Amino acid sequence: MALSNAFPSRKGVEVVSIAVIGSSPILDPEVSGTIVSLRERFEAVRRNEIHRVRRRLGNLSSDQEDVVESLSRGIIEKVLQAPVTMLLNAAAADHTAFIVKIVRKIFNLQK
């Protein structure tokens, strides 16, 4: 399975809009919408946590700011890798409704 049309959204969150299985693209709004919601939820948590500890970090240099941003984004990407892969595989196996429902329930995502 390959991904196409992966692009950053305005909040710096990567959005996957099309999964490609073999040579035929599958555009499933439930899957892509769930992935977007999941990434937005995790991005909000990341930003809030950085904001929360900002005072304790003191004045950071530009390089240090970049490291904090890179580290926190990397953690989010690693944590999201499994649920995003599961959603894309569900679309390929035609189990979309069931998996989307479970992921939305686990992560308390609104429809």
PDB file of N, CA and C in Angstrom:
ATOM      1  N   MET A   1       0.855  -1.173   0.000  1.00  0.00           N
ATOM      2  CA  MET A   1       0.000   0.000   0.000  1.00  0.00           C
ATOM      3  C   MET A   1       0.895   1.229   0.000  1.00  0.00           C
ATOM      4  N   ALA A   2       0.574   2.198  -0.819  1.00  0.00           N
ATOM      5  CA  ALA A   2       1.313   3.444  -0.886  1.00  0.00           C
ATOM      6  C   ALA A   2       0.373   4.589  -0.570  1.00  0.00           C
ATOM      7  N   LEU A   3       0.962   5.686  -0.149  1.00  0.00           N
ATOM      8  CA  LEU A   3       0.161   6.871   0.138  1.00  0.00           C
ATOM      9  C   LEU A   3       0.418   7.906  -0.929  1.00  0.00           C
ATOM     10  N   SER A   4      -0.611   8.603  -1.315  1.00  0.00           N
ATOM     11  CA  SER A   4      -0.417   9.744  -2.192  1.00  0.00           C
ATOM     12  C   SER A   4      -1.190  10.916  -1.631  1.00  0.00           C
ATOM     13  N   ASN A   5      -0.840  12.077  -2.123  1.00  0.00           N
ATOM     14  CA  ASN A   5      -1.478  13.302  -1.677  1.00  0.00           C
ATOM     15  C   ASN A   5      -1.373  13.502  -0.173  1.00  0.00           C
ATOM     16  N   ALA A   6      -0.203  13.184   0.400  1.00  0.00           N
ATOM     17  CA  ALA A   6       0.044  13.508   1.804  1.00  0.00           C
ATOM     18  C   ALA A   6       0.617  14.915   1.812  1.00  0.00           C
ATOM     19  N   PHE A   7      -0.012  15.816   2.533  1.00  0.00           N
ATOM     20  CA  PHE A   7       0.419  17.197   2.525  1.00  0.00           C
ATOM     21  C   PHE A   7       0.187  17.812   3.886  1.00  0.00           C
ATOM     22  N   PRO A   8       1.002  18.832   4.230  1.00  0.00           N
ATOM     23  CA  PRO A   8       0.789  19.470   5.531  1.00  0.00           C
ATOM     24  C   PRO A   8      -0.443  20.360   5.491  1.00  0.00           C
ATOM     25  N   SER A   9      -1.210  20.316   6.563  1.00  0.00           N
ATOM     26  CA  SER A   9      -2.355  21.222   6.665  1.00  0.00           C
ATOM     27  C   SER A   9      -1.865  22.550   7.206  1.00  0.00           C
ATOM     28  N   ARG A  10      -2.764  23.478   7.386  1.00  0.00           N
ATOM     29  CA  ARG A  10      -2.367  24.809   7.854  1.00  0.00           C
ATOM     30  C   ARG A  10      -1.825  24.794   9.273  1.00  0.00           C
ATOM     31  N   LYS A  11      -2.063  23.723  10.027  1.00  0.00           N
ATOM     32  CA  LYS A  11      -1.563  23.639  11.397  1.00  0.00           C
ATOM     33  C   LYS A  11      -0.284  22.810  11.464  1.00  0.00           C
ATOM     34  N   GLY A  12       0.297  22.456  10.321  1.00  0.00           N
ATOM     35  CA  GLY A  12       1.506  21.669  10.319  1.00  0.00           C
ATOM     36  C   GLY A  12       1.250  20.192  10.542  1.00  0.00           C
ATOM     37  N   VAL A  13       0.018  19.762  10.398  1.00  0.00           N
ATOM     38  CA  VAL A  13      -0.344  18.369  10.597  1.00  0.00           C
ATOM     39  C   VAL A  13      -0.463  17.733   9.233  1.00  0.00           C
ATOM     40  N   GLU A  14       0.213  16.600   9.028  1.00  0.00           N
ATOM     41  CA  GLU A  14       0.133  15.941   7.739  1.00  0.00           C
ATOM     42  C   GLU A  14      -1.234  15.296   7.564  1.00  0.00           C
ATOM     43  N   VAL A  15      -1.817  15.506   6.412  1.00  0.00           N
ATOM     44  CA  VAL A  15      -3.134  14.973   6.110  1.00  0.00           C
ATOM     45  C   VAL A  15      -2.997  13.986   4.955  1.00  0.00           C
ATOM     46  N   VAL A  16      -3.569  12.813   5.118  1.00  0.00           N
ATOM     47  CA  VAL A  16      -3.559  11.833   4.053  1.00  0.00           C
ATOM     48  C   VAL A  16      -4.955  11.816   3.454  1.00  0.00           C
ATOM     49  N   SER A  17      -5.045  12.110   2.166  1.00  0.00           N
ATOM     50  CA  SER A  17      -6.367  12.189   1.559  1.00  0.00           C
ATOM     51  C   SER A  17      -6.680  10.994   0.674  1.00  0.00           C
ATOM     52  N   ILE A  18      -5.665  10.282   0.193  1.00  0.00           N
ATOM     53  CA  ILE A  18      -5.913   9.151  -0.693  1.00  0.00           C
ATOM     54  C   ILE A  18      -4.962   8.021  -0.328  1.00  0.00           C
ATOM     55  N   ALA A  19      -5.503   6.822  -0.207  1.00  0.00           N
ATOM     56  CA  ALA A  19      -4.676   5.633  -0.075  1.00  0.00           C
ATOM     57  C   ALA A  19      -4.684   4.948  -1.428  1.00  0.00           C
ATOM     58  N   VAL A  20      -3.548   4.420  -1.842  1.00  0.00           N
ATOM     59  CA  VAL A  20      -3.473   3.741  -3.127  1.00  0.00           C
ATOM     60  C   VAL A  20      -3.183   2.275  -2.862  1.00  0.00           C
ATOM     61  N   ILE A  21      -4.054   1.417  -3.327  1.00  0.00           N
ATOM     62  CA  ILE A  21      -3.900  -0.019  -3.200  1.00  0.00           C
ATOM     63  C   ILE A  21      -3.662  -0.543  -4.604  1.00  0.00           C
ATOM     64  N   GLY A  22      -2.482  -1.128  -4.827  1.00  0.00           N
ATOM     65  CA  GLY A  22      -2.152  -1.533  -6.183  1.00  0.00           C
ATOM     66  C   GLY A  22      -2.063  -0.293  -7.042  1.00  0.00           C
ATOM     67  N   SER A  23      -2.889  -0.208  -8.065  1.00  0.00           N
ATOM     68  CA  SER A  23      -2.877   0.979  -8.907  1.00  0.00           C
ATOM     69  C   SER A  23      -4.169   1.778  -8.803  1.00  0.00           C
ATOM     70  N   SER A  24      -5.113   1.324  -7.966  1.00  0.00           N
ATOM     71  CA  SER A  24      -6.380   2.048  -7.873  1.00  0.00           C
ATOM     72  C   SER A  24      -6.483   2.818  -6.558  1.00  0.00           C
ATOM     73  N   PRO A  25      -6.706   4.140  -6.651  1.00  0.00           N
ATOM     74  CA  PRO A  25      -6.828   4.959  -5.443  1.00  0.00           C
ATOM     75  C   PRO A  25      -8.167   4.728  -4.748  1.00  0.00           C
ATOM     76  N   ILE A  26      -8.121   4.796  -3.432  1.00  0.00           N
ATOM     77  CA  ILE A  26      -9.337   4.691  -2.622  1.00  0.00           C
ATOM     78  C   ILE A  26      -9.457   5.996  -1.854  1.00  0.00           C
ATOM     79  N   LEU A  27     -10.493   6.709  -2.120  1.00  0.00           N
ATOM     80  CA  LEU A  27     -10.743   7.958  -1.405  1.00  0.00           C
ATOM     81  C   LEU A  27     -11.910   7.704  -0.475  1.00  0.00           C
ATOM     82  N   ASP A  28     -11.616   7.588   0.793  1.00  0.00           N
ATOM     83  CA  ASP A  28     -12.660   7.312   1.775  1.00  0.00           C
ATOM     84  C   ASP A  28     -12.726   8.470   2.745  1.00  0.00           C
ATOM     85  N   PRO A  29     -13.781   9.265   2.684  1.00  0.00           N
ATOM     86  CA  PRO A  29     -13.877  10.433   3.560  1.00  0.00           C
ATOM     87  C   PRO A  29     -13.924  10.084   5.044  1.00  0.00           C
ATOM     88  N   GLU A  30     -14.460   8.914   5.387  1.00  0.00           N
ATOM     89  CA  GLU A  30     -14.487   8.503   6.797  1.00  0.00           C
ATOM     90  C   GLU A  30     -13.073   8.259   7.316  1.00  0.00           C
ATOM     91  N   VAL A  31     -12.267   7.570   6.523  1.00  0.00           N
ATOM     92  CA  VAL A  31     -10.884   7.285   6.931  1.00  0.00           C
ATOM     93  C   VAL A  31     -10.077   8.573   6.972  1.00  0.00           C
ATOM     94  N   SER A  32     -10.106   9.349   5.895  1.00  0.00           N
ATOM     95  CA  SER A  32      -9.300  10.566   5.882  1.00  0.00           C
ATOM     96  C   SER A  32      -9.768  11.552   6.949  1.00  0.00           C
ATOM     97  N   GLY A  33     -11.066  11.654   7.171  1.00  0.00           N
ATOM     98  CA  GLY A  33     -11.580  12.533   8.216  1.00  0.00           C
ATOM     99  C   GLY A  33     -11.154  12.098   9.606  1.00  0.00           C
ATOM    100  N   THR A  34     -11.134  10.788   9.827  1.00  0.00           N
ATOM    101  CA  THR A  34     -10.692  10.262  11.121  1.00  0.00           C
ATOM    102  C   THR A  34      -9.208  10.510  11.325  1.00  0.00           C
ATOM    103  N   ILE A  35      -8.417  10.332  10.273  1.00  0.00           N
ATOM    104  CA  ILE A  35      -6.975  10.599  10.372  1.00  0.00           C
ATOM    105  C   ILE A  35      -6.736  12.073  10.670  1.00  0.00           C
ATOM    106  N   VAL A  36      -7.451  12.938   9.996  1.00  0.00           N
ATOM    107  CA  VAL A  36      -7.310  14.380  10.251  1.00  0.00           C
ATOM    108  C   VAL A  36      -7.688  14.694  11.697  1.00  0.00           C
ATOM    109  N   SER A  37      -8.808  14.165  12.169  1.00  0.00           N
ATOM    110  CA  SER A  37      -9.248  14.405  13.551  1.00  0.00           C
ATOM    111  C   SER A  37      -8.227  13.887  14.557  1.00  0.00           C
ATOM    112  N   LEU A  38      -7.693  12.713  14.291  1.00  0.00           N
ATOM    113  CA  LEU A  38      -6.699  12.108  15.177  1.00  0.00           C
ATOM    114  C   LEU A  38      -5.446  12.971  15.245  1.00  0.00           C
ATOM    115  N   ARG A  39      -4.953  13.394  14.100  1.00  0.00           N
ATOM    116  CA  ARG A  39      -3.756  14.238  14.055  1.00  0.00           C
ATOM    117  C   ARG A  39      -4.005  15.590  14.715  1.00  0.00           C
ATOM    118  N   GLU A  40      -5.171  16.171  14.490  1.00  0.00           N
ATOM    119  CA  GLU A  40      -5.488  17.454  15.122  1.00  0.00           C
ATOM    120  C   GLU A  40      -5.559  17.312  16.637  1.00  0.00           C
ATOM    121  N   ARG A  41      -6.151  16.210  17.122  1.00  0.00           N
ATOM    122  CA  ARG A  41      -6.238  15.980  18.558  1.00  0.00           C
ATOM    123  C   ARG A  41      -4.841  15.895  19.176  1.00  0.00           C
ATOM    124  N   PHE A  42      -3.971  15.093  18.561  1.00  0.00           N
ATOM    125  CA  PHE A  42      -2.626  14.929  19.085  1.00  0.00           C
ATOM    126  C   PHE A  42      -1.805  16.208  18.962  1.00  0.00           C
ATOM    127  N   GLU A  43      -1.993  16.942  17.886  1.00  0.00           N
ATOM    128  CA  GLU A  43      -1.297  18.218  17.720  1.00  0.00           C
ATOM    129  C   GLU A  43      -1.730  19.207  18.798  1.00  0.00           C
ATOM    130  N   ALA A  44      -3.005  19.234  19.124  1.00  0.00           N
ATOM    131  CA  ALA A  44      -3.494  20.130  20.183  1.00  0.00           C
ATOM    132  C   ALA A  44      -2.875  19.760  21.527  1.00  0.00           C
ATOM    133  N   VAL A  45      -2.796  18.474  21.818  1.00  0.00           N
ATOM    134  CA  VAL A  45      -2.168  18.025  23.060  1.00  0.00           C
ATOM    135  C   VAL A  45      -0.700  18.435  23.082  1.00  0.00           C
ATOM    136  N   ARG A  46      -0.012  18.233  21.963  1.00  0.00           N
ATOM    137  CA  ARG A  46       1.410  18.594  21.865  1.00  0.00           C
ATOM    138  C   ARG A  46       1.611  20.079  22.126  1.00  0.00           C
ATOM    139  N   ARG A  47       0.838  20.918  21.449  1.00  0.00           N
ATOM    140  CA  ARG A  47       0.962  22.373  21.630  1.00  0.00           C
ATOM    141  C   ARG A  47       0.639  22.783  23.063  1.00  0.00           C
ATOM    142  N   ASN A  48      -0.416  22.216  23.644  1.00  0.00           N
ATOM    143  CA  ASN A  48      -0.789  22.550  25.022  1.00  0.00           C
ATOM    144  C   ASN A  48       0.288  22.153  26.014  1.00  0.00           C
ATOM    145  N   GLU A  49       0.886  20.998  25.821  1.00  0.00           N
ATOM    146  CA  GLU A  49       1.939  20.556  26.739  1.00  0.00           C
ATOM    147  C   GLU A  49       3.189  21.413  26.617  1.00  0.00           C
ATOM    148  N   ILE A  50       3.544  21.794  25.410  1.00  0.00           N
ATOM    149  CA  ILE A  50       4.694  22.693  25.235  1.00  0.00           C
ATOM    150  C   ILE A  50       4.399  24.034  25.886  1.00  0.00           C
ATOM    151  N   HIS A  51       3.207  24.535  25.678  1.00  0.00           N
ATOM    152  CA  HIS A  51       2.814  25.803  26.303  1.00  0.00           C
ATOM    153  C   HIS A  51       2.848  25.693  27.831  1.00  0.00           C
ATOM    154  N   ARG A  52       2.389  24.561  28.355  1.00  0.00           N
ATOM    155  CA  ARG A  52       2.338  24.349  29.801  1.00  0.00           C
ATOM    156  C   ARG A  52       3.738  24.347  30.435  1.00  0.00           C
ATOM    157  N   VAL A  53       4.711  23.773  29.762  1.00  0.00           N
ATOM    158  CA  VAL A  53       6.061  23.685  30.349  1.00  0.00           C
ATOM    159  C   VAL A  53       6.977  24.824  29.903  1.00  0.00           C
ATOM    160  N   ARG A  54       6.476  25.694  29.062  1.00  0.00           N
ATOM    161  CA  ARG A  54       7.297  26.781  28.516  1.00  0.00           C
ATOM    162  C   ARG A  54       7.977  27.604  29.612  1.00  0.00           C
ATOM    163  N   ARG A  55       7.257  27.930  30.675  1.00  0.00           N
ATOM    164  CA  ARG A  55       7.832  28.743  31.760  1.00  0.00           C
ATOM    165  C   ARG A  55       8.995  28.029  32.432  1.00  0.00           C
ATOM    166  N   ARG A  56       8.859  26.722  32.619  1.00  0.00           N
ATOM    167  CA  ARG A  56       9.928  25.959  33.280  1.00  0.00           C
ATOM    168  C   ARG A  56      11.163  25.820  32.392  1.00  0.00           C
ATOM    169  N   LEU A  57      10.979  25.937  31.084  1.00  0.00           N
ATOM    170  CA  LEU A  57      12.112  25.807  30.171  1.00  0.00           C
ATOM    171  C   LEU A  57      12.961  27.071  30.125  1.00  0.00           C
ATOM    172  N   GLY A  58      12.381  28.197  30.523  1.00  0.00           N
ATOM    173  CA  GLY A  58      13.118  29.455  30.471  1.00  0.00           C
ATOM    174  C   GLY A  58      13.268  29.941  29.044  1.00  0.00           C
ATOM    175  N   ASN A  59      14.240  30.815  28.848  1.00  0.00           N
ATOM    176  CA  ASN A  59      14.486  31.355  27.506  1.00  0.00           C
ATOM    177  C   ASN A  59      15.283  30.353  26.694  1.00  0.00           C
ATOM    178  N   LEU A  60      14.690  29.910  25.608  1.00  0.00           N
ATOM    179  CA  LEU A  60      15.357  28.958  24.729  1.00  0.00           C
ATOM    180  C   LEU A  60      15.890  29.678  23.498  1.00  0.00           C
ATOM    181  N   SER A  61      17.036  29.209  23.039  1.00  0.00           N
ATOM    182  CA  SER A  61      17.566  29.745  21.788  1.00  0.00           C
ATOM    183  C   SER A  61      16.706  29.221  20.641  1.00  0.00           C
ATOM    184  N   SER A  62      16.899  29.784  19.489  1.00  0.00           N
ATOM    185  CA  SER A  62      16.162  29.342  18.305  1.00  0.00           C
ATOM    186  C   SER A  62      16.428  27.865  18.020  1.00  0.00           C
ATOM    187  N   ASP A  63      17.680  27.455  18.176  1.00  0.00           N
ATOM    188  CA  ASP A  63      18.032  26.050  17.960  1.00  0.00           C
ATOM    189  C   ASP A  63      17.343  25.141  18.976  1.00  0.00           C
ATOM    190  N   GLN A  64      17.293  25.575  20.227  1.00  0.00           N
ATOM    191  CA  GLN A  64      16.627  24.790  21.260  1.00  0.00           C
ATOM    192  C   GLN A  64      15.129  24.694  20.999  1.00  0.00           C
ATOM    193  N   GLU A  65      14.530  25.790  20.565  1.00  0.00           N
ATOM    194  CA  GLU A  65      13.099  25.777  20.194  1.00  0.00           C
ATOM    195  C   GLU A  65      12.858  24.753  19.090  1.00  0.00           C
ATOM    196  N   ASP A  66      13.738  24.759  18.097  1.00  0.00           N
ATOM    197  CA  ASP A  66      13.613  23.814  16.988  1.00  0.00           C
ATOM    198  C   ASP A  66      13.719  22.376  17.465  1.00  0.00           C
ATOM    199  N   VAL A  67      14.610  22.116  18.410  1.00  0.00           N
ATOM    200  CA  VAL A  67      14.778  20.766  18.943  1.00  0.00           C
ATOM    201  C   VAL A  67      13.516  20.323  19.687  1.00  0.00           C
ATOM    202  N   VAL A  68      12.957  21.202  20.512  1.00  0.00           N
ATOM    203  CA  VAL A  68      11.725  20.876  21.248  1.00  0.00           C
ATOM    204  C   VAL A  68      10.595  20.579  20.264  1.00  0.00           C
ATOM    205  N   GLU A  69      10.437  21.421  19.251  1.00  0.00           N
ATOM    206  CA  GLU A  69       9.403  21.210  18.235  1.00  0.00           C
ATOM    207  C   GLU A  69       9.623  19.890  17.501  1.00  0.00           C
ATOM    208  N   SER A  70      10.835  19.653  17.073  1.00  0.00           N
ATOM    209  CA  SER A  70      11.159  18.436  16.320  1.00  0.00           C
ATOM    210  C   SER A  70      10.935  17.185  17.167  1.00  0.00           C
ATOM    211  N   LEU A  71      11.385  17.216  18.406  1.00  0.00           N
ATOM    212  CA  LEU A  71      11.212  16.083  19.309  1.00  0.00           C
ATOM    213  C   LEU A  71       9.737  15.788  19.541  1.00  0.00           C
ATOM    214  N   SER A  72       8.960  16.817  19.852  1.00  0.00           N
ATOM    215  CA  SER A  72       7.543  16.592  20.152  1.00  0.00           C
ATOM    216  C   SER A  72       6.779  16.137  18.915  1.00  0.00           C
ATOM    217  N   ARG A  73       7.087  16.681  17.754  1.00  0.00           N
ATOM    218  CA  ARG A  73       6.432  16.233  16.519  1.00  0.00           C
ATOM    219  C   ARG A  73       6.819  14.795  16.189  1.00  0.00           C
ATOM    220  N   GLY A  74       8.077  14.449  16.412  1.00  0.00           N
ATOM    221  CA  GLY A  74       8.532  13.080  16.164  1.00  0.00           C
ATOM    222  C   GLY A  74       7.810  12.071  17.043  1.00  0.00           C
ATOM    223  N   ILE A  75       7.611  12.419  18.302  1.00  0.00           N
ATOM    224  CA  ILE A  75       6.883  11.534  19.223  1.00  0.00           C
ATOM    225  C   ILE A  75       5.457  11.330  18.727  1.00  0.00           C
ATOM    226  N   ILE A  76       4.803  12.415  18.335  1.00  0.00           N
ATOM    227  CA  ILE A  76       3.428  12.327  17.837  1.00  0.00           C
ATOM    228  C   ILE A  76       3.364  11.430  16.604  1.00  0.00           C
ATOM    229  N   GLU A  77       4.284  11.601  15.679  1.00  0.00           N
ATOM    230  CA  GLU A  77       4.285  10.778  14.464  1.00  0.00           C
ATOM    231  C   GLU A  77       4.454   9.298  14.789  1.00  0.00           C
ATOM    232  N   LYS A  78       5.331   8.979  15.720  1.00  0.00           N
ATOM    233  CA  LYS A  78       5.543   7.578  16.094  1.00  0.00           C
ATOM    234  C   LYS A  78       4.306   6.988  16.778  1.00  0.00           C
ATOM    235  N   VAL A  79       3.675   7.765  17.643  1.00  0.00           N
ATOM    236  CA  VAL A  79       2.478   7.293  18.338  1.00  0.00           C
ATOM    237  C   VAL A  79       1.323   7.092  17.354  1.00  0.00           C
ATOM    238  N   LEU A  80       1.211   7.965  16.370  1.00  0.00           N
ATOM    239  CA  LEU A  80       0.108   7.887  15.415  1.00  0.00           C
ATOM    240  C   LEU A  80       0.324   6.867  14.299  1.00  0.00           C
ATOM    241  N   GLN A  81       1.529   6.391  14.152  1.00  0.00           N
ATOM    242  CA  GLN A  81       1.834   5.474  13.053  1.00  0.00           C
ATOM    243  C   GLN A  81       0.929   4.241  13.050  1.00  0.00           C
ATOM    244  N   ALA A  82       0.747   3.602  14.179  1.00  0.00           N
ATOM    245  CA  ALA A  82      -0.072   2.375  14.242  1.00  0.00           C
ATOM    246  C   ALA A  82      -1.551   2.645  13.951  1.00  0.00           C
ATOM    247  N   PRO A  83      -2.201   3.629  14.614  1.00  0.00           N
ATOM    248  CA  PRO A  83      -3.616   3.838  14.302  1.00  0.00           C
ATOM    249  C   PRO A  83      -3.859   4.305  12.865  1.00  0.00           C
ATOM    250  N   VAL A  84      -2.962   5.122  12.318  1.00  0.00           N
ATOM    251  CA  VAL A  84      -3.135   5.575  10.940  1.00  0.00           C
ATOM    252  C   VAL A  84      -2.986   4.399   9.981  1.00  0.00           C
ATOM    253  N   THR A  85      -1.991   3.570  10.211  1.00  0.00           N
ATOM    254  CA  THR A  85      -1.801   2.374   9.376  1.00  0.00           C
ATOM    255  C   THR A  85      -3.012   1.463   9.468  1.00  0.00           C
ATOM    256  N   MET A  86      -3.539   1.289  10.672  1.00  0.00           N
ATOM    257  CA  MET A  86      -4.722   0.446  10.860  1.00  0.00           C
ATOM    258  C   MET A  86      -5.909   1.004  10.074  1.00  0.00           C
ATOM    259  N   LEU A  87      -6.087   2.310  10.100  1.00  0.00           N
ATOM    260  CA  LEU A  87      -7.183   2.927   9.350  1.00  0.00           C
ATOM    261  C   LEU A  87      -7.012   2.727   7.846  1.00  0.00           C
ATOM    262  N   LEU A  88      -5.807   2.919   7.357  1.00  0.00           N
ATOM    263  CA  LEU A  88      -5.565   2.746   5.924  1.00  0.00           C
ATOM    264  C   LEU A  88      -5.727   1.287   5.508  1.00  0.00           C
ATOM    265  N   ASN A  89      -5.264   0.369   6.342  1.00  0.00           N
ATOM    266  CA  ASN A  89      -5.437  -1.056   6.040  1.00  0.00           C
ATOM    267  C   ASN A  89      -6.913  -1.454   6.090  1.00  0.00           C
ATOM    268  N   ALA A  90      -7.663  -0.850   6.988  1.00  0.00           N
ATOM    269  CA  ALA A  90      -9.099  -1.140   7.077  1.00  0.00           C
ATOM    270  C   ALA A  90      -9.798  -0.730   5.791  1.00  0.00           C
ATOM    271  N   ALA A  91      -9.382   0.403   5.236  1.00  0.00           N
ATOM    272  CA  ALA A  91      -9.964   0.854   3.974  1.00  0.00           C
ATOM    273  C   ALA A  91      -9.654  -0.147   2.872  1.00  0.00           C
ATOM    274  N   ALA A  92      -8.442  -0.681   2.882  1.00  0.00           N
ATOM    275  CA  ALA A  92      -8.050  -1.647   1.855  1.00  0.00           C
ATOM    276  C   ALA A  92      -8.807  -2.958   2.008  1.00  0.00           C
ATOM    277  N   ALA A  93      -9.116  -3.341   3.230  1.00  0.00           N
ATOM    278  CA  ALA A  93      -9.784  -4.622   3.499  1.00  0.00           C
ATOM    279  C   ALA A  93     -11.302  -4.471   3.602  1.00  0.00           C
ATOM    280  N   ASP A  94     -11.798  -3.288   3.335  1.00  0.00           N
ATOM    281  CA  ASP A  94     -13.230  -3.012   3.382  1.00  0.00           C
ATOM    282  C   ASP A  94     -13.829  -3.221   4.787  1.00  0.00           C
ATOM    283  N   HIS A  95     -13.056  -2.852   5.799  1.00  0.00           N
ATOM    284  CA  HIS A  95     -13.524  -2.883   7.191  1.00  0.00           C
ATOM    285  C   HIS A  95     -13.596  -1.469   7.752  1.00  0.00           C
ATOM    286  N   THR A  96     -13.763  -0.510   6.876  1.00  0.00           N
ATOM    287  CA  THR A  96     -13.676   0.896   7.245  1.00  0.00           C
ATOM    288  C   THR A  96     -14.609   1.279   8.386  1.00  0.00           C
ATOM    289  N   ALA A  97     -15.872   0.980   8.266  1.00  0.00           N
ATOM    290  CA  ALA A  97     -16.849   1.448   9.254  1.00  0.00           C
ATOM    291  C   ALA A  97     -16.512   0.948  10.656  1.00  0.00           C
ATOM    292  N   PHE A  98     -16.156  -0.317  10.779  1.00  0.00           N
ATOM    293  CA  PHE A  98     -15.845  -0.904  12.078  1.00  0.00           C
ATOM    294  C   PHE A  98     -14.606  -0.265  12.696  1.00  0.00           C
ATOM    295  N   ILE A  99     -13.518  -0.181  11.936  1.00  0.00           N
ATOM    296  CA  ILE A  99     -12.256   0.362  12.460  1.00  0.00           C
ATOM    297  C   ILE A  99     -12.388   1.853  12.756  1.00  0.00           C
ATOM    298  N   VAL A 100     -13.041   2.595  11.872  1.00  0.00           N
ATOM    299  CA  VAL A 100     -13.242   4.026  12.114  1.00  0.00           C
ATOM    300  C   VAL A 100     -14.014   4.226  13.415  1.00  0.00           C
ATOM    301  N   LYS A 101     -15.056   3.444  13.621  1.00  0.00           N
ATOM    302  CA  LYS A 101     -15.855   3.548  14.844  1.00  0.00           C
ATOM    303  C   LYS A 101     -15.000   3.279  16.083  1.00  0.00           C
ATOM    304  N   ILE A 102     -14.169   2.263  16.024  1.00  0.00           N
ATOM    305  CA  ILE A 102     -13.315   1.919  17.173  1.00  0.00           C
ATOM    306  C   ILE A 102     -12.280   3.000  17.435  1.00  0.00           C
ATOM    307  N   VAL A 103     -11.598   3.472  16.397  1.00  0.00           N
ATOM    308  CA  VAL A 103     -10.578   4.509  16.587  1.00  0.00           C
ATOM    309  C   VAL A 103     -11.216   5.782  17.133  1.00  0.00           C
ATOM    310  N   ARG A 104     -12.364   6.160  16.585  1.00  0.00           N
ATOM    311  CA  ARG A 104     -13.048   7.361  17.081  1.00  0.00           C
ATOM    312  C   ARG A 104     -13.461   7.200  18.546  1.00  0.00           C
ATOM    313  N   LYS A 105     -13.877   5.991  18.917  1.00  0.00           N
ATOM    314  CA  LYS A 105     -14.275   5.742  20.300  1.00  0.00           C
ATOM    315  C   LYS A 105     -13.058   5.754  21.235  1.00  0.00           C
ATOM    316  N   ILE A 106     -11.985   5.080  20.841  1.00  0.00           N
ATOM    317  CA  ILE A 106     -10.769   5.014  21.671  1.00  0.00           C
ATOM    318  C   ILE A 106     -10.210   6.400  21.951  1.00  0.00           C
ATOM    319  N   PHE A 107     -10.171   7.236  20.908  1.00  0.00           N
ATOM    320  CA  PHE A 107      -9.554   8.556  21.045  1.00  0.00           C
ATOM    321  C   PHE A 107     -10.575   9.669  21.278  1.00  0.00           C
ATOM    322  N   ASN A 108     -11.845   9.271  21.509  1.00  0.00           N
ATOM    323  CA  ASN A 108     -12.907  10.236  21.803  1.00  0.00           C
ATOM    324  C   ASN A 108     -12.980  11.348  20.756  1.00  0.00           C
ATOM    325  N   LEU A 109     -13.027  10.944  19.492  1.00  0.00           N
ATOM    326  CA  LEU A 109     -13.080  11.903  18.386  1.00  0.00           C
ATOM    327  C   LEU A 109     -14.534  12.130  17.987  1.00  0.00           C
ATOM    328  N   GLN A 110     -14.862  13.355  17.704  1.00  0.00           N
ATOM    329  CA  GLN A 110     -16.207  13.688  17.234  1.00  0.00           C
ATOM    330  C   GLN A 110     -16.316  13.337  15.763  1.00  0.00           C
ATOM    331  N   LYS A 111     -17.500  13.036  15.334  1.00  0.00           N
ATOM    332  CA  LYS A 111     -17.728  12.697  13.935  1.00  0.00           C
ATOM    333  C   LYS A 111     -17.782  13.891  13.040  1.00  0.00           C
TER     334      LYS A 111
END
